[in-house]
N, C-alpha and C. Protein backbone atom coordinates (compact mmCIF):
# COMPACT_ATOMS: atom_id res chain seq x y z
N MET A 1 121.75 123.98 36.44
CA MET A 1 123.09 124.09 37.02
C MET A 1 124.01 123.11 36.30
N CYS A 2 125.27 123.53 36.12
CA CYS A 2 126.21 122.66 35.42
C CYS A 2 126.60 121.49 36.29
N PRO A 3 126.97 120.36 35.69
CA PRO A 3 127.38 119.18 36.46
C PRO A 3 128.63 119.48 37.27
N HIS A 4 128.74 118.90 38.47
CA HIS A 4 129.90 119.14 39.34
C HIS A 4 130.97 118.11 39.03
N THR A 5 131.64 118.28 37.91
CA THR A 5 132.72 117.37 37.53
C THR A 5 133.94 118.17 37.17
N ALA A 6 135.12 117.54 37.33
CA ALA A 6 136.37 118.23 37.00
C ALA A 6 136.42 118.53 35.51
N GLN A 7 135.82 117.61 34.70
CA GLN A 7 135.86 117.82 33.26
C GLN A 7 135.04 119.04 32.84
N TRP A 8 134.03 119.37 33.64
CA TRP A 8 133.15 120.48 33.27
C TRP A 8 133.83 121.82 33.40
N ILE A 9 134.71 121.96 34.39
CA ILE A 9 135.26 123.28 34.71
C ILE A 9 135.96 123.93 33.52
N PRO A 10 136.93 123.24 32.83
CA PRO A 10 137.58 123.90 31.70
C PRO A 10 136.62 124.28 30.60
N SER A 11 135.64 123.39 30.30
CA SER A 11 134.72 123.70 29.21
C SER A 11 133.83 124.88 29.55
N CYS A 12 133.40 124.98 30.81
CA CYS A 12 132.58 126.12 31.22
C CYS A 12 133.40 127.40 31.22
N ARG A 13 134.67 127.30 31.61
CA ARG A 13 135.53 128.48 31.59
C ARG A 13 135.71 128.97 30.16
N ALA A 14 135.84 128.02 29.22
CA ALA A 14 136.02 128.41 27.82
C ALA A 14 134.81 129.18 27.32
N GLN A 15 133.65 128.93 27.94
CA GLN A 15 132.46 129.66 27.53
C GLN A 15 132.29 130.97 28.30
N GLY A 16 133.22 131.23 29.24
CA GLY A 16 133.18 132.50 29.94
C GLY A 16 132.59 132.44 31.33
N PHE A 17 132.68 131.27 32.01
CA PHE A 17 132.14 131.14 33.35
C PHE A 17 133.25 130.82 34.34
N THR A 18 133.14 131.32 35.55
CA THR A 18 134.05 130.94 36.63
C THR A 18 133.52 129.68 37.26
N LYS A 19 134.23 129.17 38.28
CA LYS A 19 133.79 127.96 38.96
C LYS A 19 132.47 128.18 39.69
N ARG A 20 132.15 129.44 40.02
CA ARG A 20 130.89 129.74 40.70
C ARG A 20 129.75 130.00 39.70
N GLY A 21 130.06 129.91 38.40
CA GLY A 21 129.02 130.09 37.41
C GLY A 21 128.80 131.54 37.03
N LEU A 22 129.68 132.46 37.49
CA LEU A 22 129.53 133.86 37.15
C LEU A 22 130.22 134.14 35.83
N VAL A 23 129.64 135.02 35.04
CA VAL A 23 130.21 135.32 33.73
C VAL A 23 131.47 136.15 33.88
N LEU A 24 132.54 135.72 33.18
CA LEU A 24 133.79 136.48 33.17
C LEU A 24 133.73 137.53 32.08
N SER A 25 134.57 138.53 32.20
CA SER A 25 134.65 139.56 31.18
C SER A 25 135.36 139.01 29.95
N SER A 26 134.67 138.93 28.83
CA SER A 26 135.27 138.43 27.60
C SER A 26 136.28 139.41 27.04
N VAL A 27 136.20 140.66 27.48
CA VAL A 27 137.13 141.67 26.98
C VAL A 27 138.51 141.46 27.57
N SER A 28 138.60 141.12 28.87
CA SER A 28 139.88 141.03 29.54
C SER A 28 140.57 139.68 29.35
N ALA A 29 139.82 138.64 29.03
CA ALA A 29 140.41 137.30 28.90
C ALA A 29 141.24 137.20 27.62
N ILE A 30 142.43 136.60 27.74
CA ILE A 30 143.32 136.39 26.60
C ILE A 30 142.94 135.05 25.94
N ARG A 31 142.51 135.10 24.70
CA ARG A 31 142.11 133.88 23.98
C ARG A 31 143.35 133.23 23.37
N LEU A 32 143.62 131.99 23.78
CA LEU A 32 144.85 131.31 23.37
C LEU A 32 144.56 130.06 22.55
N LEU A 33 145.46 129.79 21.62
CA LEU A 33 145.45 128.54 20.87
C LEU A 33 146.77 127.84 21.14
N SER A 34 146.71 126.56 21.48
CA SER A 34 147.92 125.76 21.72
C SER A 34 148.11 124.76 20.59
N ILE A 35 149.30 124.79 19.98
CA ILE A 35 149.66 123.80 18.96
C ILE A 35 150.83 123.00 19.53
N GLU A 36 150.50 121.85 20.07
CA GLU A 36 151.46 121.06 20.85
C GLU A 36 151.14 119.57 20.73
N ASP A 37 152.12 118.77 20.33
CA ASP A 37 151.83 117.35 20.12
C ASP A 37 152.15 116.47 21.33
N HIS A 38 152.89 116.97 22.31
CA HIS A 38 153.22 116.15 23.47
C HIS A 38 152.03 116.09 24.42
N PRO A 39 151.42 114.93 24.61
CA PRO A 39 150.17 114.84 25.38
C PRO A 39 150.28 115.29 26.83
N VAL A 40 151.38 114.94 27.50
CA VAL A 40 151.51 115.29 28.92
C VAL A 40 151.66 116.80 29.08
N PHE A 41 152.53 117.40 28.27
CA PHE A 41 152.71 118.85 28.37
C PHE A 41 151.44 119.58 27.94
N ARG A 42 150.77 119.08 26.91
CA ARG A 42 149.54 119.70 26.43
C ARG A 42 148.47 119.71 27.52
N GLU A 43 148.35 118.60 28.24
CA GLU A 43 147.36 118.52 29.32
C GLU A 43 147.74 119.46 30.46
N GLY A 44 149.03 119.50 30.78
CA GLY A 44 149.47 120.38 31.86
C GLY A 44 149.24 121.84 31.52
N LEU A 45 149.53 122.20 30.27
CA LEU A 45 149.31 123.58 29.82
C LEU A 45 147.84 123.94 29.87
N SER A 46 147.00 122.99 29.46
CA SER A 46 145.55 123.21 29.49
C SER A 46 145.06 123.50 30.91
N ARG A 47 145.58 122.74 31.87
CA ARG A 47 145.17 122.94 33.26
C ARG A 47 145.66 124.28 33.81
N ILE A 48 146.89 124.63 33.45
CA ILE A 48 147.46 125.91 33.92
C ILE A 48 146.63 127.08 33.40
N ILE A 49 146.38 127.08 32.11
CA ILE A 49 145.61 128.18 31.50
C ILE A 49 144.17 128.16 32.02
N GLY A 50 143.61 126.97 32.17
CA GLY A 50 142.24 126.85 32.65
C GLY A 50 142.03 127.36 34.06
N SER A 51 143.11 127.48 34.83
CA SER A 51 143.00 127.95 36.21
C SER A 51 143.12 129.47 36.33
N GLN A 52 143.33 130.15 35.19
CA GLN A 52 143.51 131.60 35.21
C GLN A 52 142.23 132.33 34.79
N ASP A 53 141.83 133.32 35.56
CA ASP A 53 140.61 134.07 35.24
C ASP A 53 140.78 134.99 34.04
N ASP A 54 142.02 135.33 33.67
CA ASP A 54 142.23 136.27 32.56
C ASP A 54 142.69 135.57 31.29
N MET A 55 142.55 134.23 31.24
CA MET A 55 142.95 133.48 30.05
C MET A 55 141.90 132.44 29.69
N ILE A 56 141.74 132.20 28.41
CA ILE A 56 140.84 131.16 27.91
C ILE A 56 141.58 130.36 26.85
N LEU A 57 141.60 129.04 26.99
CA LEU A 57 142.18 128.19 25.96
C LEU A 57 141.11 127.94 24.91
N ALA A 58 141.16 128.72 23.85
CA ALA A 58 140.12 128.66 22.81
C ALA A 58 140.22 127.40 21.97
N GLY A 59 141.44 126.85 21.85
CA GLY A 59 141.60 125.65 21.04
C GLY A 59 142.92 124.96 21.30
N GLN A 60 142.97 123.67 20.96
CA GLN A 60 144.18 122.88 21.08
C GLN A 60 144.35 122.04 19.81
N ALA A 61 145.57 121.97 19.31
CA ALA A 61 145.84 121.16 18.13
C ALA A 61 147.08 120.32 18.40
N THR A 62 147.08 119.10 17.85
CA THR A 62 148.20 118.19 18.08
C THR A 62 149.14 118.09 16.87
N ASN A 63 148.80 118.80 15.80
CA ASN A 63 149.67 118.81 14.62
C ASN A 63 149.51 120.13 13.87
N ALA A 64 150.38 120.35 12.91
CA ALA A 64 150.40 121.62 12.19
C ALA A 64 149.14 121.84 11.36
N LYS A 65 148.68 120.81 10.66
CA LYS A 65 147.51 120.96 9.81
C LYS A 65 146.30 121.42 10.59
N ASP A 66 146.04 120.73 11.71
CA ASP A 66 144.89 121.11 12.55
C ASP A 66 145.13 122.47 13.20
N GLY A 67 146.38 122.75 13.57
CA GLY A 67 146.69 124.03 14.19
C GLY A 67 146.41 125.21 13.28
N ILE A 68 146.82 125.08 12.03
CA ILE A 68 146.59 126.15 11.05
C ILE A 68 145.10 126.34 10.82
N SER A 69 144.35 125.22 10.72
CA SER A 69 142.90 125.30 10.51
C SER A 69 142.21 126.00 11.68
N GLN A 70 142.60 125.62 12.91
CA GLN A 70 142.00 126.25 14.09
C GLN A 70 142.37 127.73 14.19
N PHE A 71 143.61 128.05 13.82
CA PHE A 71 144.06 129.44 13.85
C PHE A 71 143.19 130.30 12.93
N ILE A 72 142.93 129.81 11.74
CA ILE A 72 142.11 130.54 10.77
C ILE A 72 140.67 130.69 11.28
N ALA A 73 140.15 129.62 11.89
CA ALA A 73 138.76 129.63 12.35
C ALA A 73 138.57 130.44 13.64
N LEU A 74 139.51 130.34 14.56
CA LEU A 74 139.35 130.94 15.88
C LEU A 74 139.90 132.36 16.00
N ARG A 75 140.91 132.68 15.17
CA ARG A 75 141.57 134.00 15.26
C ARG A 75 141.94 134.31 16.72
N PRO A 76 142.77 133.48 17.36
CA PRO A 76 143.14 133.70 18.76
C PRO A 76 143.99 134.95 18.92
N GLU A 77 143.98 135.50 20.12
CA GLU A 77 144.83 136.66 20.39
C GLU A 77 146.30 136.26 20.49
N MET A 78 146.54 135.01 20.86
CA MET A 78 147.91 134.53 20.97
C MET A 78 147.93 133.03 20.68
N THR A 79 148.98 132.58 19.99
CA THR A 79 149.15 131.16 19.70
C THR A 79 150.44 130.67 20.30
N LEU A 80 150.36 129.58 21.08
CA LEU A 80 151.53 128.96 21.68
C LEU A 80 151.92 127.79 20.79
N LEU A 81 153.09 127.88 20.19
CA LEU A 81 153.49 126.96 19.13
C LEU A 81 154.77 126.19 19.48
N ASP A 82 154.69 124.86 19.43
CA ASP A 82 155.88 124.02 19.62
C ASP A 82 156.66 123.99 18.31
N LEU A 83 157.99 123.87 18.42
CA LEU A 83 158.82 123.80 17.21
C LEU A 83 158.84 122.41 16.60
N ARG A 84 158.62 121.40 17.42
CA ARG A 84 158.72 120.02 16.94
C ARG A 84 157.32 119.42 16.81
N LEU A 85 156.81 119.39 15.60
CA LEU A 85 155.49 118.84 15.32
C LEU A 85 155.62 117.66 14.38
N PRO A 86 154.69 116.71 14.42
CA PRO A 86 154.86 115.47 13.64
C PRO A 86 154.74 115.64 12.13
N ASP A 87 154.02 116.65 11.68
CA ASP A 87 153.76 116.77 10.24
C ASP A 87 154.40 117.99 9.59
N MET A 88 155.05 118.87 10.37
CA MET A 88 155.57 120.10 9.78
C MET A 88 156.50 120.77 10.78
N ASP A 89 157.56 121.39 10.29
CA ASP A 89 158.46 122.12 11.17
C ASP A 89 157.75 123.34 11.76
N GLY A 90 157.95 123.57 13.05
CA GLY A 90 157.28 124.69 13.71
C GLY A 90 157.58 126.04 13.11
N LEU A 91 158.80 126.23 12.61
CA LEU A 91 159.16 127.51 11.99
C LEU A 91 158.36 127.74 10.71
N ASP A 92 158.09 126.65 9.97
CA ASP A 92 157.26 126.77 8.77
C ASP A 92 155.81 127.10 9.15
N VAL A 93 155.36 126.53 10.28
CA VAL A 93 154.02 126.85 10.77
C VAL A 93 153.95 128.32 11.16
N LEU A 94 154.98 128.80 11.83
CA LEU A 94 155.05 130.21 12.21
C LEU A 94 154.90 131.11 10.99
N SER A 95 155.63 130.81 9.95
CA SER A 95 155.55 131.60 8.72
C SER A 95 154.17 131.54 8.10
N ALA A 96 153.56 130.35 8.12
CA ALA A 96 152.23 130.19 7.53
C ALA A 96 151.19 130.99 8.31
N LEU A 97 151.28 130.99 9.64
CA LEU A 97 150.32 131.73 10.46
C LEU A 97 150.48 133.24 10.25
N ARG A 98 151.72 133.70 10.13
CA ARG A 98 151.94 135.13 9.93
C ARG A 98 151.59 135.59 8.52
N GLU A 99 151.59 134.67 7.59
CA GLU A 99 151.09 135.01 6.25
C GLU A 99 149.58 135.22 6.30
N GLU A 100 148.91 134.46 7.15
CA GLU A 100 147.46 134.58 7.29
C GLU A 100 147.10 135.87 8.02
N ILE A 101 147.78 136.16 9.13
CA ILE A 101 147.56 137.40 9.91
C ILE A 101 148.94 137.96 10.24
N ARG A 102 149.30 139.04 9.59
CA ARG A 102 150.67 139.56 9.67
C ARG A 102 151.07 139.95 11.10
N ASP A 103 150.14 140.52 11.87
CA ASP A 103 150.49 140.98 13.21
C ASP A 103 150.09 139.97 14.30
N ALA A 104 149.87 138.72 13.90
CA ALA A 104 149.49 137.69 14.87
C ALA A 104 150.60 137.50 15.91
N LYS A 105 150.19 137.29 17.17
CA LYS A 105 151.15 137.04 18.24
C LYS A 105 151.37 135.53 18.34
N ILE A 106 152.48 135.08 17.76
CA ILE A 106 152.84 133.67 17.77
C ILE A 106 154.01 133.51 18.73
N VAL A 107 153.82 132.69 19.74
CA VAL A 107 154.84 132.49 20.77
C VAL A 107 155.40 131.08 20.67
N ILE A 108 156.70 130.98 20.51
CA ILE A 108 157.34 129.67 20.49
C ILE A 108 157.47 129.18 21.93
N LEU A 109 156.91 128.00 22.19
CA LEU A 109 156.99 127.36 23.50
C LEU A 109 157.61 125.99 23.27
N THR A 110 158.88 125.85 23.63
CA THR A 110 159.66 124.71 23.18
C THR A 110 160.69 124.27 24.22
N THR A 111 161.30 123.12 23.95
CA THR A 111 162.43 122.67 24.77
C THR A 111 163.76 123.12 24.16
N SER A 112 163.72 123.60 22.92
CA SER A 112 164.95 123.93 22.19
C SER A 112 165.51 125.29 22.57
N ASP A 113 166.78 125.29 23.00
CA ASP A 113 167.47 126.56 23.22
C ASP A 113 168.64 126.70 22.26
N HIS A 114 168.53 126.03 21.10
CA HIS A 114 169.58 126.11 20.09
C HIS A 114 169.61 127.50 19.44
N ASP A 115 170.80 128.01 19.26
CA ASP A 115 170.96 129.36 18.70
C ASP A 115 170.23 129.52 17.37
N SER A 116 170.35 128.53 16.50
CA SER A 116 169.75 128.64 15.16
C SER A 116 168.23 128.72 15.25
N ASP A 117 167.61 127.91 16.12
CA ASP A 117 166.15 127.94 16.29
C ASP A 117 165.70 129.30 16.82
N ILE A 118 166.43 129.82 17.79
CA ILE A 118 166.08 131.10 18.41
C ILE A 118 166.13 132.22 17.38
N ARG A 119 167.26 132.30 16.67
CA ARG A 119 167.43 133.38 15.70
C ARG A 119 166.41 133.28 14.56
N LYS A 120 166.18 132.07 14.05
CA LYS A 120 165.21 131.89 12.96
C LYS A 120 163.81 132.29 13.40
N ALA A 121 163.42 131.89 14.61
CA ALA A 121 162.09 132.20 15.10
C ALA A 121 161.89 133.71 15.27
N LEU A 122 162.87 134.38 15.83
CA LEU A 122 162.75 135.82 16.04
C LEU A 122 162.76 136.57 14.71
N ARG A 123 163.60 136.11 13.77
CA ARG A 123 163.62 136.74 12.45
C ARG A 123 162.31 136.52 11.72
N ALA A 124 161.66 135.37 11.96
CA ALA A 124 160.38 135.07 11.29
C ALA A 124 159.21 135.81 11.92
N GLY A 125 159.48 136.54 13.01
CA GLY A 125 158.43 137.36 13.60
C GLY A 125 157.76 136.82 14.84
N ALA A 126 158.37 135.83 15.49
CA ALA A 126 157.79 135.31 16.74
C ALA A 126 157.67 136.43 17.77
N ALA A 127 156.53 136.49 18.44
CA ALA A 127 156.32 137.53 19.46
C ALA A 127 157.01 137.16 20.76
N GLY A 128 157.40 135.90 20.89
CA GLY A 128 158.07 135.47 22.11
C GLY A 128 158.75 134.14 21.90
N TYR A 129 159.73 133.87 22.74
CA TYR A 129 160.42 132.59 22.70
C TYR A 129 160.61 132.16 24.14
N ILE A 130 159.83 131.19 24.59
CA ILE A 130 159.90 130.74 25.98
C ILE A 130 160.10 129.23 26.02
N LEU A 131 160.66 128.78 27.13
CA LEU A 131 161.05 127.39 27.26
C LEU A 131 160.07 126.60 28.13
N LYS A 132 159.86 125.34 27.77
CA LYS A 132 158.98 124.49 28.55
C LYS A 132 159.54 124.21 29.95
N SER A 133 160.84 124.40 30.10
CA SER A 133 161.47 124.18 31.40
C SER A 133 161.18 125.30 32.39
N MET A 134 160.60 126.40 31.91
CA MET A 134 160.27 127.51 32.80
C MET A 134 159.16 127.09 33.76
N SER A 135 159.10 127.76 34.89
CA SER A 135 158.07 127.43 35.88
C SER A 135 156.69 127.87 35.39
N ARG A 136 155.66 127.33 36.04
CA ARG A 136 154.27 127.70 35.75
C ARG A 136 154.10 129.22 35.79
N GLU A 137 154.63 129.85 36.85
CA GLU A 137 154.49 131.30 37.02
C GLU A 137 155.21 132.05 35.93
N GLU A 138 156.38 131.57 35.52
CA GLU A 138 157.16 132.24 34.47
C GLU A 138 156.44 132.18 33.12
N ILE A 139 155.84 131.03 32.82
CA ILE A 139 155.11 130.90 31.55
C ILE A 139 153.90 131.82 31.53
N LEU A 140 153.15 131.85 32.62
CA LEU A 140 151.98 132.72 32.70
C LEU A 140 152.38 134.19 32.62
N SER A 141 153.47 134.55 33.29
CA SER A 141 153.95 135.93 33.25
C SER A 141 154.36 136.32 31.84
N ALA A 142 155.02 135.40 31.13
CA ALA A 142 155.44 135.67 29.76
C ALA A 142 154.23 135.90 28.85
N ILE A 143 153.19 135.09 29.02
CA ILE A 143 151.97 135.25 28.21
C ILE A 143 151.36 136.63 28.46
N ARG A 144 151.28 137.04 29.71
CA ARG A 144 150.70 138.35 30.04
C ARG A 144 151.57 139.49 29.51
N THR A 145 152.89 139.33 29.60
CA THR A 145 153.80 140.37 29.11
C THR A 145 153.66 140.55 27.61
N ILE A 146 153.58 139.44 26.88
CA ILE A 146 153.42 139.52 25.42
C ILE A 146 152.08 140.14 25.07
N HIS A 147 151.03 139.76 25.80
CA HIS A 147 149.70 140.31 25.54
C HIS A 147 149.70 141.83 25.73
N THR A 148 150.41 142.31 26.76
CA THR A 148 150.42 143.74 27.08
C THR A 148 151.42 144.53 26.26
N HIS A 149 152.64 143.98 26.13
CA HIS A 149 153.73 144.74 25.52
C HIS A 149 154.11 144.27 24.12
N GLY A 150 153.60 143.11 23.71
CA GLY A 150 153.81 142.69 22.33
C GLY A 150 154.93 141.72 22.10
N LYS A 151 155.91 141.66 23.02
CA LYS A 151 157.04 140.77 22.77
C LYS A 151 157.81 140.47 24.05
N THR A 152 158.35 139.25 24.13
CA THR A 152 159.26 138.91 25.23
C THR A 152 159.99 137.62 24.88
N ILE A 153 161.14 137.43 25.54
CA ILE A 153 161.85 136.17 25.41
C ILE A 153 162.31 135.75 26.81
N ALA A 154 162.52 134.46 26.98
CA ALA A 154 162.95 133.94 28.27
C ALA A 154 164.30 134.55 28.66
N PRO A 155 164.51 134.84 29.94
CA PRO A 155 165.80 135.41 30.38
C PRO A 155 167.00 134.57 29.94
N GLU A 156 166.85 133.22 29.99
CA GLU A 156 167.96 132.36 29.56
C GLU A 156 168.29 132.57 28.09
N ILE A 157 167.24 132.82 27.28
CA ILE A 157 167.44 133.04 25.85
C ILE A 157 168.12 134.37 25.62
N ALA A 158 167.72 135.40 26.36
CA ALA A 158 168.34 136.72 26.23
C ALA A 158 169.83 136.64 26.54
N MET A 159 170.17 135.91 27.60
CA MET A 159 171.57 135.75 27.96
C MET A 159 172.33 135.01 26.85
N LYS A 160 171.71 134.02 26.28
CA LYS A 160 172.35 133.22 25.23
C LYS A 160 172.60 134.07 23.99
N LEU A 161 171.61 134.88 23.62
CA LEU A 161 171.76 135.74 22.45
C LEU A 161 172.84 136.80 22.66
N ALA A 162 172.96 137.27 23.88
CA ALA A 162 173.96 138.30 24.17
C ALA A 162 175.38 137.80 23.94
N GLN A 163 175.58 136.49 24.03
CA GLN A 163 176.91 135.94 23.87
C GLN A 163 177.44 136.07 22.45
N GLN A 164 176.58 136.28 21.48
CA GLN A 164 177.04 136.39 20.10
C GLN A 164 177.86 137.65 19.87
N PHE A 165 177.68 138.66 20.74
CA PHE A 165 178.41 139.90 20.57
C PHE A 165 179.81 139.83 21.16
N SER A 166 180.01 138.97 22.14
CA SER A 166 181.26 138.96 22.87
C SER A 166 181.47 137.60 23.52
N ASN A 167 182.73 137.29 23.82
CA ASN A 167 183.02 136.07 24.55
C ASN A 167 182.49 136.17 25.97
N GLU A 168 182.28 137.41 26.44
CA GLU A 168 181.77 137.64 27.78
C GLU A 168 180.31 138.08 27.70
N PRO A 169 179.36 137.26 28.16
CA PRO A 169 177.93 137.62 28.03
C PRO A 169 177.55 138.76 28.97
N LEU A 170 176.41 139.39 28.66
CA LEU A 170 175.87 140.40 29.55
C LEU A 170 175.40 139.75 30.84
N THR A 171 175.60 140.43 31.95
CA THR A 171 175.11 139.93 33.23
C THR A 171 173.61 140.23 33.35
N VAL A 172 172.97 139.63 34.32
CA VAL A 172 171.55 139.89 34.58
C VAL A 172 171.34 141.37 34.85
N ARG A 173 172.22 141.98 35.65
CA ARG A 173 172.09 143.40 35.98
C ARG A 173 172.27 144.27 34.74
N GLU A 174 173.22 143.91 33.87
CA GLU A 174 173.43 144.69 32.64
C GLU A 174 172.21 144.60 31.73
N LEU A 175 171.56 143.44 31.69
CA LEU A 175 170.34 143.30 30.90
C LEU A 175 169.22 144.17 31.49
N GLU A 176 169.14 144.24 32.81
CA GLU A 176 168.14 145.09 33.46
C GLU A 176 168.38 146.56 33.10
N VAL A 177 169.64 146.98 33.15
CA VAL A 177 169.98 148.36 32.81
C VAL A 177 169.65 148.63 31.34
N LEU A 178 169.96 147.68 30.47
CA LEU A 178 169.70 147.83 29.04
C LEU A 178 168.20 147.97 28.77
N ARG A 179 167.39 147.19 29.48
CA ARG A 179 165.93 147.29 29.31
C ARG A 179 165.42 148.68 29.72
N LEU A 180 165.97 149.21 30.78
CA LEU A 180 165.54 150.53 31.26
C LEU A 180 166.00 151.64 30.31
N ILE A 181 167.18 151.47 29.72
CA ILE A 181 167.64 152.42 28.70
C ILE A 181 166.69 152.38 27.52
N ARG A 182 166.31 151.16 27.12
CA ARG A 182 165.34 151.00 26.03
C ARG A 182 164.05 151.74 26.31
N ASP A 183 163.62 151.74 27.56
CA ASP A 183 162.37 152.39 27.95
C ASP A 183 162.51 153.89 28.17
N GLY A 184 163.69 154.44 27.89
CA GLY A 184 163.88 155.88 27.93
C GLY A 184 164.37 156.46 29.24
N HIS A 185 164.82 155.61 30.16
CA HIS A 185 165.28 156.10 31.46
C HIS A 185 166.73 156.57 31.40
N ARG A 186 167.03 157.64 32.09
CA ARG A 186 168.40 158.13 32.22
C ARG A 186 169.07 157.43 33.41
N ASN A 187 170.38 157.66 33.54
CA ASN A 187 171.13 156.96 34.59
C ASN A 187 170.57 157.19 35.98
N LYS A 188 170.19 158.42 36.29
CA LYS A 188 169.67 158.73 37.61
C LYS A 188 168.37 157.97 37.87
N GLN A 189 167.50 157.91 36.86
CA GLN A 189 166.23 157.19 37.00
C GLN A 189 166.47 155.69 37.16
N ILE A 190 167.44 155.16 36.39
CA ILE A 190 167.77 153.74 36.48
C ILE A 190 168.27 153.41 37.88
N ALA A 191 169.13 154.29 38.41
CA ALA A 191 169.66 154.09 39.76
C ALA A 191 168.52 154.00 40.78
N GLY A 192 167.55 154.89 40.64
CA GLY A 192 166.43 154.89 41.56
C GLY A 192 165.58 153.64 41.45
N ARG A 193 165.35 153.17 40.24
CA ARG A 193 164.50 151.99 40.04
C ARG A 193 165.19 150.70 40.51
N LEU A 194 166.52 150.64 40.36
CA LEU A 194 167.25 149.44 40.74
C LEU A 194 167.86 149.54 42.14
N CYS A 195 167.67 150.70 42.78
CA CYS A 195 168.20 150.92 44.14
C CYS A 195 169.72 150.74 44.19
N ILE A 196 170.41 151.33 43.21
CA ILE A 196 171.87 151.31 43.19
C ILE A 196 172.37 152.72 42.95
N ALA A 197 173.67 152.94 43.14
CA ALA A 197 174.25 154.27 42.96
C ALA A 197 174.32 154.62 41.47
N GLU A 198 174.22 155.91 41.17
CA GLU A 198 174.29 156.36 39.78
C GLU A 198 175.65 156.01 39.16
N THR A 199 176.72 156.05 39.96
CA THR A 199 178.04 155.67 39.46
C THR A 199 178.08 154.20 39.06
N THR A 200 177.32 153.38 39.78
CA THR A 200 177.24 151.95 39.45
C THR A 200 176.51 151.76 38.13
N VAL A 201 175.46 152.55 37.90
CA VAL A 201 174.75 152.48 36.62
C VAL A 201 175.69 152.85 35.49
N HIS A 202 176.47 153.91 35.69
CA HIS A 202 177.43 154.35 34.67
C HIS A 202 178.41 153.22 34.35
N PHE A 203 178.85 152.50 35.39
CA PHE A 203 179.76 151.37 35.21
C PHE A 203 179.11 150.28 34.37
N HIS A 204 177.84 149.95 34.67
CA HIS A 204 177.12 148.92 33.90
C HIS A 204 176.91 149.35 32.45
N VAL A 205 176.58 150.60 32.24
CA VAL A 205 176.36 151.11 30.89
C VAL A 205 177.64 150.99 30.07
N LYS A 206 178.76 151.38 30.66
CA LYS A 206 180.06 151.28 29.97
C LYS A 206 180.36 149.83 29.60
N ASN A 207 180.12 148.92 30.54
CA ASN A 207 180.40 147.50 30.29
C ASN A 207 179.54 146.93 29.17
N LEU A 208 178.23 147.24 29.19
CA LEU A 208 177.36 146.66 28.17
C LEU A 208 177.64 147.25 26.79
N ILE A 209 178.04 148.52 26.76
CA ILE A 209 178.42 149.13 25.48
C ILE A 209 179.66 148.43 24.92
N ASP A 210 180.63 148.16 25.79
CA ASP A 210 181.84 147.47 25.36
C ASP A 210 181.54 146.06 24.88
N LYS A 211 180.70 145.35 25.63
CA LYS A 211 180.39 143.96 25.29
C LYS A 211 179.61 143.85 23.97
N LEU A 212 178.71 144.81 23.74
CA LEU A 212 177.90 144.79 22.52
C LEU A 212 178.62 145.45 21.35
N GLN A 213 179.83 145.99 21.64
CA GLN A 213 180.63 146.67 20.61
C GLN A 213 179.83 147.80 19.96
N ALA A 214 179.16 148.56 20.83
CA ALA A 214 178.31 149.66 20.37
C ALA A 214 179.05 150.99 20.48
N ASN A 215 178.53 151.99 19.77
CA ASN A 215 179.14 153.32 19.82
C ASN A 215 178.72 154.09 21.06
N ASP A 216 177.46 153.88 21.48
CA ASP A 216 176.93 154.56 22.65
C ASP A 216 175.73 153.77 23.17
N ARG A 217 175.05 154.29 24.19
CA ARG A 217 173.94 153.56 24.79
C ARG A 217 172.78 153.36 23.82
N THR A 218 172.50 154.35 22.98
CA THR A 218 171.42 154.22 22.00
C THR A 218 171.74 153.14 20.98
N HIS A 219 172.99 153.12 20.54
CA HIS A 219 173.43 152.11 19.58
C HIS A 219 173.37 150.71 20.21
N ALA A 220 173.69 150.63 21.50
CA ALA A 220 173.63 149.35 22.21
C ALA A 220 172.21 148.80 22.21
N VAL A 221 171.23 149.66 22.47
CA VAL A 221 169.83 149.24 22.45
C VAL A 221 169.43 148.78 21.06
N THR A 222 169.86 149.53 20.03
CA THR A 222 169.54 149.18 18.65
C THR A 222 170.07 147.80 18.30
N LEU A 223 171.32 147.53 18.65
CA LEU A 223 171.93 146.23 18.37
C LEU A 223 171.18 145.12 19.11
N ALA A 224 170.83 145.38 20.37
CA ALA A 224 170.15 144.38 21.18
C ALA A 224 168.76 144.08 20.62
N LEU A 225 168.06 145.10 20.14
CA LEU A 225 166.74 144.91 19.56
C LEU A 225 166.82 144.11 18.26
N ARG A 226 167.80 144.44 17.43
CA ARG A 226 167.95 143.75 16.16
C ARG A 226 168.24 142.27 16.33
N SER A 227 169.02 141.96 17.35
CA SER A 227 169.44 140.57 17.59
C SER A 227 168.40 139.76 18.34
N GLY A 228 167.46 140.44 19.01
CA GLY A 228 166.48 139.74 19.83
C GLY A 228 166.86 139.64 21.28
N VAL A 229 168.03 140.20 21.67
CA VAL A 229 168.42 140.21 23.08
C VAL A 229 167.38 140.97 23.89
N LEU A 230 166.85 142.06 23.31
CA LEU A 230 165.78 142.84 23.94
C LEU A 230 164.52 142.75 23.10
N PRO A 231 163.35 142.58 23.74
CA PRO A 231 162.09 142.66 23.00
C PRO A 231 161.76 144.11 22.66
N LEU A 232 160.93 144.30 21.65
CA LEU A 232 160.50 145.65 21.29
C LEU A 232 159.64 146.23 22.38
């Protein structure tokens, strides 16, 4: 029987065991690599991931050199990457990891909400851009969304990116409507999913088209995808 210590639990989970010693499904667990130099946040992230039955923290690195080495050795399903590392810029690390595995899911997990960092990361192929200020539940939800759908960005980041098209940013409701348009829903279907009138949906569609300076709803989605306002 394994020792009954707090230190044992994360290590046993990494090997595929629950707290009761039962084997977890290795197929369903998301294997993660964390490249993060801040010790307090790194420990907190480790505990959060270690408490989830569908996630395994396969490795942790405190600098870019070790992170790249672990990435090559472990081939994680997802890598959580800080932008501010002691030996290398996070965006350069992102490029290096994607050169190694072109379709790797690299998620920026940072305190930076600067426009230039966001745009550069998304253009370099980041699968997600999430903030350390997000709640525990929001970070876990983002990881699961990226694992399932391939891409996501924090709502605050989406709102920030939308401002580049107009002095007036998209509202939360307009972003919801835009996401549903992206997923192929018509106005009547959107109304049903959001529990609002179809005329209200039409109003939101008109507003977001105007704000994005698009020709029509399809063009609006295209512009939003290109800019990173909407994930693929």
